[in-house]
Amino acid sequence: MTVDEHTEIACLVHDFSLGGVKITLPDAALVPTTFLLTAPPLDGVKVCSIVWRTDEMIGAQFR
């Protein structure tokens, strides 16, 4: 995922749906409310907004 024009964070993306994804990463607090996501199942880059967050997981919807 890309959190700003200079910072990328490695993550594990699972639970894809038409509307969004669940993401696991070491520190979810580092991710801003809106971010860019690139993953093999996606066609290109998706703009995402966080819907829920725990210490190590994010639920995000595609915008």
PDB file of N, CA and C in Angstrom:
ATOM      1  N   MET A   1       0.840  -1.161   0.000  1.00  0.00           N
ATOM      2  CA  MET A   1       0.000   0.000   0.000  1.00  0.00           C
ATOM      3  C   MET A   1       0.887   1.225   0.000  1.00  0.00           C
ATOM      4  N   THR A   2       0.363   2.314  -0.552  1.00  0.00           N
ATOM      5  CA  THR A   2       1.074   3.583  -0.573  1.00  0.00           C
ATOM      6  C   THR A   2       0.319   4.557   0.311  1.00  0.00           C
ATOM      7  N   VAL A   3       1.012   5.117   1.306  1.00  0.00           N
ATOM      8  CA  VAL A   3       0.340   6.008   2.247  1.00  0.00           C
ATOM      9  C   VAL A   3       0.593   7.483   1.947  1.00  0.00           C
ATOM     10  N   ASP A   4       1.648   7.771   1.220  1.00  0.00           N
ATOM     11  CA  ASP A   4       1.871   9.109   0.680  1.00  0.00           C
ATOM     12  C   ASP A   4       2.818   8.956  -0.505  1.00  0.00           C
ATOM     13  N   GLU A   5       3.192  10.032  -1.126  1.00  0.00           N
ATOM     14  CA  GLU A   5       3.968   9.902  -2.361  1.00  0.00           C
ATOM     15  C   GLU A   5       5.364   9.327  -2.155  1.00  0.00           C
ATOM     16  N   HIS A   6       5.810   9.192  -0.913  1.00  0.00           N
ATOM     17  CA  HIS A   6       7.149   8.675  -0.650  1.00  0.00           C
ATOM     18  C   HIS A   6       7.176   7.417   0.215  1.00  0.00           C
ATOM     19  N   THR A   7       6.031   6.957   0.714  1.00  0.00           N
ATOM     20  CA  THR A   7       6.021   5.868   1.687  1.00  0.00           C
ATOM     21  C   THR A   7       5.133   4.715   1.245  1.00  0.00           C
ATOM     22  N   GLU A   8       5.725   3.529   1.173  1.00  0.00           N
ATOM     23  CA  GLU A   8       4.977   2.306   0.915  1.00  0.00           C
ATOM     24  C   GLU A   8       5.098   1.406   2.137  1.00  0.00           C
ATOM     25  N   ILE A   9       4.023   0.666   2.441  1.00  0.00           N
ATOM     26  CA  ILE A   9       4.006  -0.248   3.578  1.00  0.00           C
ATOM     27  C   ILE A   9       3.630  -1.634   3.066  1.00  0.00           C
ATOM     28  N   ALA A  10       4.438  -2.634   3.398  1.00  0.00           N
ATOM     29  CA  ALA A  10       4.116  -4.012   3.035  1.00  0.00           C
ATOM     30  C   ALA A  10       2.939  -4.487   3.879  1.00  0.00           C
ATOM     31  N   CYS A  11       2.039  -5.240   3.250  1.00  0.00           N
ATOM     32  CA  CYS A  11       0.861  -5.727   3.965  1.00  0.00           C
ATOM     33  C   CYS A  11       0.374  -7.016   3.317  1.00  0.00           C
ATOM     34  N   LEU A  12      -0.510  -7.700   4.012  1.00  0.00           N
ATOM     35  CA  LEU A  12      -1.160  -8.894   3.496  1.00  0.00           C
ATOM     36  C   LEU A  12      -2.624  -8.544   3.277  1.00  0.00           C
ATOM     37  N   VAL A  13      -3.077  -8.720   2.040  1.00  0.00           N
ATOM     38  CA  VAL A  13      -4.450  -8.358   1.687  1.00  0.00           C
ATOM     39  C   VAL A  13      -5.270  -9.636   1.554  1.00  0.00           C
ATOM     40  N   HIS A  14      -6.428  -9.669   2.229  1.00  0.00           N
ATOM     41  CA  HIS A  14      -7.322 -10.810   2.114  1.00  0.00           C
ATOM     42  C   HIS A  14      -8.761 -10.342   2.187  1.00  0.00           C
ATOM     43  N   ASP A  15      -9.670 -11.277   1.986  1.00  0.00           N
ATOM     44  CA  ASP A  15     -11.106 -10.986   1.997  1.00  0.00           C
ATOM     45  C   ASP A  15     -11.482  -9.903   0.994  1.00  0.00           C
ATOM     46  N   PHE A  16     -11.061 -10.094  -0.263  1.00  0.00           N
ATOM     47  CA  PHE A  16     -11.464  -9.177  -1.330  1.00  0.00           C
ATOM     48  C   PHE A  16     -12.959  -9.290  -1.583  1.00  0.00           C
ATOM     49  N   SER A  17     -13.601  -8.168  -1.847  1.00  0.00           N
ATOM     50  CA  SER A  17     -14.978  -8.143  -2.326  1.00  0.00           C
ATOM     51  C   SER A  17     -15.070  -7.022  -3.356  1.00  0.00           C
ATOM     52  N   LEU A  18     -16.217  -6.856  -3.955  1.00  0.00           N
ATOM     53  CA  LEU A  18     -16.378  -5.756  -4.913  1.00  0.00           C
ATOM     54  C   LEU A  18     -16.245  -4.402  -4.237  1.00  0.00           C
ATOM     55  N   GLY A  19     -16.578  -4.347  -2.950  1.00  0.00           N
ATOM     56  CA  GLY A  19     -16.584  -3.076  -2.246  1.00  0.00           C
ATOM     57  C   GLY A  19     -15.354  -2.746  -1.435  1.00  0.00           C
ATOM     58  N   GLY A  20     -14.508  -3.769  -1.124  1.00  0.00           N
ATOM     59  CA  GLY A  20     -13.354  -3.458  -0.295  1.00  0.00           C
ATOM     60  C   GLY A  20     -12.520  -4.671   0.060  1.00  0.00           C
ATOM     61  N   VAL A  21     -11.662  -4.501   1.082  1.00  0.00           N
ATOM     62  CA  VAL A  21     -10.706  -5.536   1.482  1.00  0.00           C
ATOM     63  C   VAL A  21     -10.456  -5.507   2.984  1.00  0.00           C
ATOM     64  N   LYS A  22      -9.890  -6.613   3.469  1.00  0.00           N
ATOM     65  CA  LYS A  22      -9.335  -6.646   4.820  1.00  0.00           C
ATOM     66  C   LYS A  22      -7.827  -6.765   4.659  1.00  0.00           C
ATOM     67  N   ILE A  23      -7.081  -5.970   5.424  1.00  0.00           N
ATOM     68  CA  ILE A  23      -5.628  -5.901   5.298  1.00  0.00           C
ATOM     69  C   ILE A  23      -4.998  -6.153   6.662  1.00  0.00           C
ATOM     70  N   THR A  24      -3.960  -6.989   6.680  1.00  0.00           N
ATOM     71  CA  THR A  24      -3.180  -7.231   7.888  1.00  0.00           C
ATOM     72  C   THR A  24      -1.799  -6.616   7.702  1.00  0.00           C
ATOM     73  N   LEU A  25      -1.314  -5.918   8.726  1.00  0.00           N
ATOM     74  CA  LEU A  25       0.008  -5.310   8.689  1.00  0.00           C
ATOM     75  C   LEU A  25       0.490  -5.097  10.116  1.00  0.00           C
ATOM     76  N   PRO A  26       1.795  -4.915  10.309  1.00  0.00           N
ATOM     77  CA  PRO A  26       2.334  -4.830  11.675  1.00  0.00           C
ATOM     78  C   PRO A  26       1.800  -3.671  12.517  1.00  0.00           C
ATOM     79  N   ASP A  27       1.560  -2.509  11.912  1.00  0.00           N
ATOM     80  CA  ASP A  27       1.122  -1.337  12.680  1.00  0.00           C
ATOM     81  C   ASP A  27       0.096  -0.540  11.885  1.00  0.00           C
ATOM     82  N   ALA A  28      -1.173  -0.854  12.077  1.00  0.00           N
ATOM     83  CA  ALA A  28      -2.242  -0.205  11.322  1.00  0.00           C
ATOM     84  C   ALA A  28      -2.363   1.281  11.637  1.00  0.00           C
ATOM     85  N   ALA A  29      -1.830   1.719  12.758  1.00  0.00           N
ATOM     86  CA  ALA A  29      -1.904   3.136  13.126  1.00  0.00           C
ATOM     87  C   ALA A  29      -1.116   4.021  12.164  1.00  0.00           C
ATOM     88  N   LEU A  30      -0.173   3.445  11.422  1.00  0.00           N
ATOM     89  CA  LEU A  30       0.630   4.223  10.472  1.00  0.00           C
ATOM     90  C   LEU A  30      -0.122   4.574   9.193  1.00  0.00           C
ATOM     91  N   VAL A  31      -1.268   3.943   8.968  1.00  0.00           N
ATOM     92  CA  VAL A  31      -2.006   4.121   7.719  1.00  0.00           C
ATOM     93  C   VAL A  31      -3.016   5.252   7.863  1.00  0.00           C
ATOM     94  N   PRO A  32      -2.974   6.235   6.952  1.00  0.00           N
ATOM     95  CA  PRO A  32      -3.943   7.329   7.013  1.00  0.00           C
ATOM     96  C   PRO A  32      -5.340   6.855   6.606  1.00  0.00           C
ATOM     97  N   THR A  33      -6.324   7.682   6.821  1.00  0.00           N
ATOM     98  CA  THR A  33      -7.714   7.342   6.527  1.00  0.00           C
ATOM     99  C   THR A  33      -7.929   6.978   5.065  1.00  0.00           C
ATOM    100  N   THR A  34      -7.216   7.622   4.167  1.00  0.00           N
ATOM    101  CA  THR A  34      -7.289   7.332   2.735  1.00  0.00           C
ATOM    102  C   THR A  34      -5.897   6.943   2.249  1.00  0.00           C
ATOM    103  N   PHE A  35      -5.819   5.867   1.449  1.00  0.00           N
ATOM    104  CA  PHE A  35      -4.535   5.382   0.945  1.00  0.00           C
ATOM    105  C   PHE A  35      -4.736   4.708  -0.406  1.00  0.00           C
ATOM    106  N   LEU A  36      -3.635   4.388  -1.077  1.00  0.00           N
ATOM    107  CA  LEU A  36      -3.667   3.694  -2.363  1.00  0.00           C
ATOM    108  C   LEU A  36      -3.256   2.247  -2.160  1.00  0.00           C
ATOM    109  N   LEU A  37      -3.944   1.339  -2.856  1.00  0.00           N
ATOM    110  CA  LEU A  37      -3.650  -0.081  -2.735  1.00  0.00           C
ATOM    111  C   LEU A  37      -3.422  -0.677  -4.114  1.00  0.00           C
ATOM    112  N   THR A  38      -2.332  -1.429  -4.239  1.00  0.00           N
ATOM    113  CA  THR A  38      -2.042  -2.197  -5.445  1.00  0.00           C
ATOM    114  C   THR A  38      -1.865  -3.643  -5.019  1.00  0.00           C
ATOM    115  N   ALA A  39      -2.598  -4.553  -5.646  1.00  0.00           N
ATOM    116  CA  ALA A  39      -2.490  -5.976  -5.342  1.00  0.00           C
ATOM    117  C   ALA A  39      -2.837  -6.750  -6.612  1.00  0.00           C
ATOM    118  N   PRO A  40      -2.252  -7.938  -6.806  1.00  0.00           N
ATOM    119  CA  PRO A  40      -2.480  -8.695  -8.039  1.00  0.00           C
ATOM    120  C   PRO A  40      -3.945  -8.886  -8.440  1.00  0.00           C
ATOM    121  N   PRO A  41      -4.879  -9.154  -7.516  1.00  0.00           N
ATOM    122  CA  PRO A  41      -6.267  -9.328  -7.965  1.00  0.00           C
ATOM    123  C   PRO A  41      -6.934  -8.037  -8.455  1.00  0.00           C
ATOM    124  N   LEU A  42      -6.352  -6.888  -8.152  1.00  0.00           N
ATOM    125  CA  LEU A  42      -6.938  -5.609  -8.554  1.00  0.00           C
ATOM    126  C   LEU A  42      -6.434  -5.209  -9.932  1.00  0.00           C
ATOM    127  N   ASP A  43      -7.255  -4.506 -10.663  1.00  0.00           N
ATOM    128  CA  ASP A  43      -6.824  -3.935 -11.936  1.00  0.00           C
ATOM    129  C   ASP A  43      -6.272  -2.554 -11.659  1.00  0.00           C
ATOM    130  N   GLY A  44      -4.966  -2.444 -11.519  1.00  0.00           N
ATOM    131  CA  GLY A  44      -4.344  -1.152 -11.256  1.00  0.00           C
ATOM    132  C   GLY A  44      -4.383  -0.779  -9.792  1.00  0.00           C
ATOM    133  N   VAL A  45      -4.423   0.518  -9.549  1.00  0.00           N
ATOM    134  CA  VAL A  45      -4.381   1.073  -8.196  1.00  0.00           C
ATOM    135  C   VAL A  45      -5.790   1.449  -7.758  1.00  0.00           C
ATOM    136  N   LYS A  46      -6.132   1.122  -6.520  1.00  0.00           N
ATOM    137  CA  LYS A  46      -7.434   1.494  -5.953  1.00  0.00           C
ATOM    138  C   LYS A  46      -7.238   2.506  -4.832  1.00  0.00           C
ATOM    139  N   VAL A  47      -8.068   3.518  -4.814  1.00  0.00           N
ATOM    140  CA  VAL A  47      -8.118   4.449  -3.689  1.00  0.00           C
ATOM    141  C   VAL A  47      -9.022   3.806  -2.643  1.00  0.00           C
ATOM    142  N   CYS A  48      -8.543   3.735  -1.410  1.00  0.00           N
ATOM    143  CA  CYS A  48      -9.279   3.084  -0.328  1.00  0.00           C
ATOM    144  C   CYS A  48      -9.478   4.033   0.843  1.00  0.00           C
ATOM    145  N   SER A  49     -10.584   3.831   1.560  1.00  0.00           N
ATOM    146  CA  SER A  49     -10.863   4.568   2.796  1.00  0.00           C
ATOM    147  C   SER A  49     -11.071   3.564   3.918  1.00  0.00           C
ATOM    148  N   ILE A  50     -10.471   3.825   5.064  1.00  0.00           N
ATOM    149  CA  ILE A  50     -10.596   2.921   6.206  1.00  0.00           C
ATOM    150  C   ILE A  50     -12.000   3.013   6.793  1.00  0.00           C
ATOM    151  N   VAL A  51     -12.600   1.835   7.020  1.00  0.00           N
ATOM    152  CA  VAL A  51     -13.918   1.733   7.641  1.00  0.00           C
ATOM    153  C   VAL A  51     -13.764   1.337   9.108  1.00  0.00           C
ATOM    154  N   TRP A  52     -12.842   0.432   9.385  1.00  0.00           N
ATOM    155  CA  TRP A  52     -12.538   0.028  10.758  1.00  0.00           C
ATOM    156  C   TRP A  52     -11.055  -0.293  10.856  1.00  0.00           C
ATOM    157  N   ARG A  53     -10.537  -0.287  12.095  1.00  0.00           N
ATOM    158  CA  ARG A  53      -9.105  -0.508  12.302  1.00  0.00           C
ATOM    159  C   ARG A  53      -8.878  -1.123  13.682  1.00  0.00           C
ATOM    160  N   THR A  54      -7.956  -2.100  13.758  1.00  0.00           N
ATOM    161  CA  THR A  54      -7.436  -2.609  15.024  1.00  0.00           C
ATOM    162  C   THR A  54      -5.927  -2.347  14.999  1.00  0.00           C
ATOM    163  N   ASP A  55      -5.193  -2.873  15.967  1.00  0.00           N
ATOM    164  CA  ASP A  55      -3.743  -2.652  15.995  1.00  0.00           C
ATOM    165  C   ASP A  55      -3.036  -3.192  14.756  1.00  0.00           C
ATOM    166  N   GLU A  56      -3.519  -4.341  14.224  1.00  0.00           N
ATOM    167  CA  GLU A  56      -2.824  -4.995  13.116  1.00  0.00           C
ATOM    168  C   GLU A  56      -3.714  -5.302  11.919  1.00  0.00           C
ATOM    169  N   MET A  57      -4.934  -4.769  11.875  1.00  0.00           N
ATOM    170  CA  MET A  57      -5.837  -5.018  10.751  1.00  0.00           C
ATOM    171  C   MET A  57      -6.581  -3.758  10.361  1.00  0.00           C
ATOM    172  N   ILE A  58      -6.947  -3.719   9.076  1.00  0.00           N
ATOM    173  CA  ILE A  58      -7.741  -2.610   8.548  1.00  0.00           C
ATOM    174  C   ILE A  58      -8.837  -3.199   7.672  1.00  0.00           C
ATOM    175  N   GLY A  59     -10.030  -2.671   7.803  1.00  0.00           N
ATOM    176  CA  GLY A  59     -11.104  -2.930   6.861  1.00  0.00           C
ATOM    177  C   GLY A  59     -11.270  -1.665   6.040  1.00  0.00           C
ATOM    178  N   ALA A  60     -11.177  -1.785   4.719  1.00  0.00           N
ATOM    179  CA  ALA A  60     -11.229  -0.599   3.868  1.00  0.00           C
ATOM    180  C   ALA A  60     -12.214  -0.798   2.725  1.00  0.00           C
ATOM    181  N   GLN A  61     -12.838   0.293   2.329  1.00  0.00           N
ATOM    182  CA  GLN A  61     -13.736   0.252   1.173  1.00  0.00           C
ATOM    183  C   GLN A  61     -13.070   0.957   0.001  1.00  0.00           C
ATOM    184  N   PHE A  62     -13.381   0.474  -1.207  1.00  0.00           N
ATOM    185  CA  PHE A  62     -12.878   1.120  -2.411  1.00  0.00           C
ATOM    186  C   PHE A  62     -13.695   2.370  -2.677  1.00  0.00           C
ATOM    187  N   ARG A  63     -13.022   3.423  -3.133  1.00  0.00           N
ATOM    188  CA  ARG A  63     -13.710   4.680  -3.429  1.00  0.00           C
ATOM    189  C   ARG A  63     -13.876   4.847  -4.907  1.00  0.00           C
TER     190      ARG A  63
END
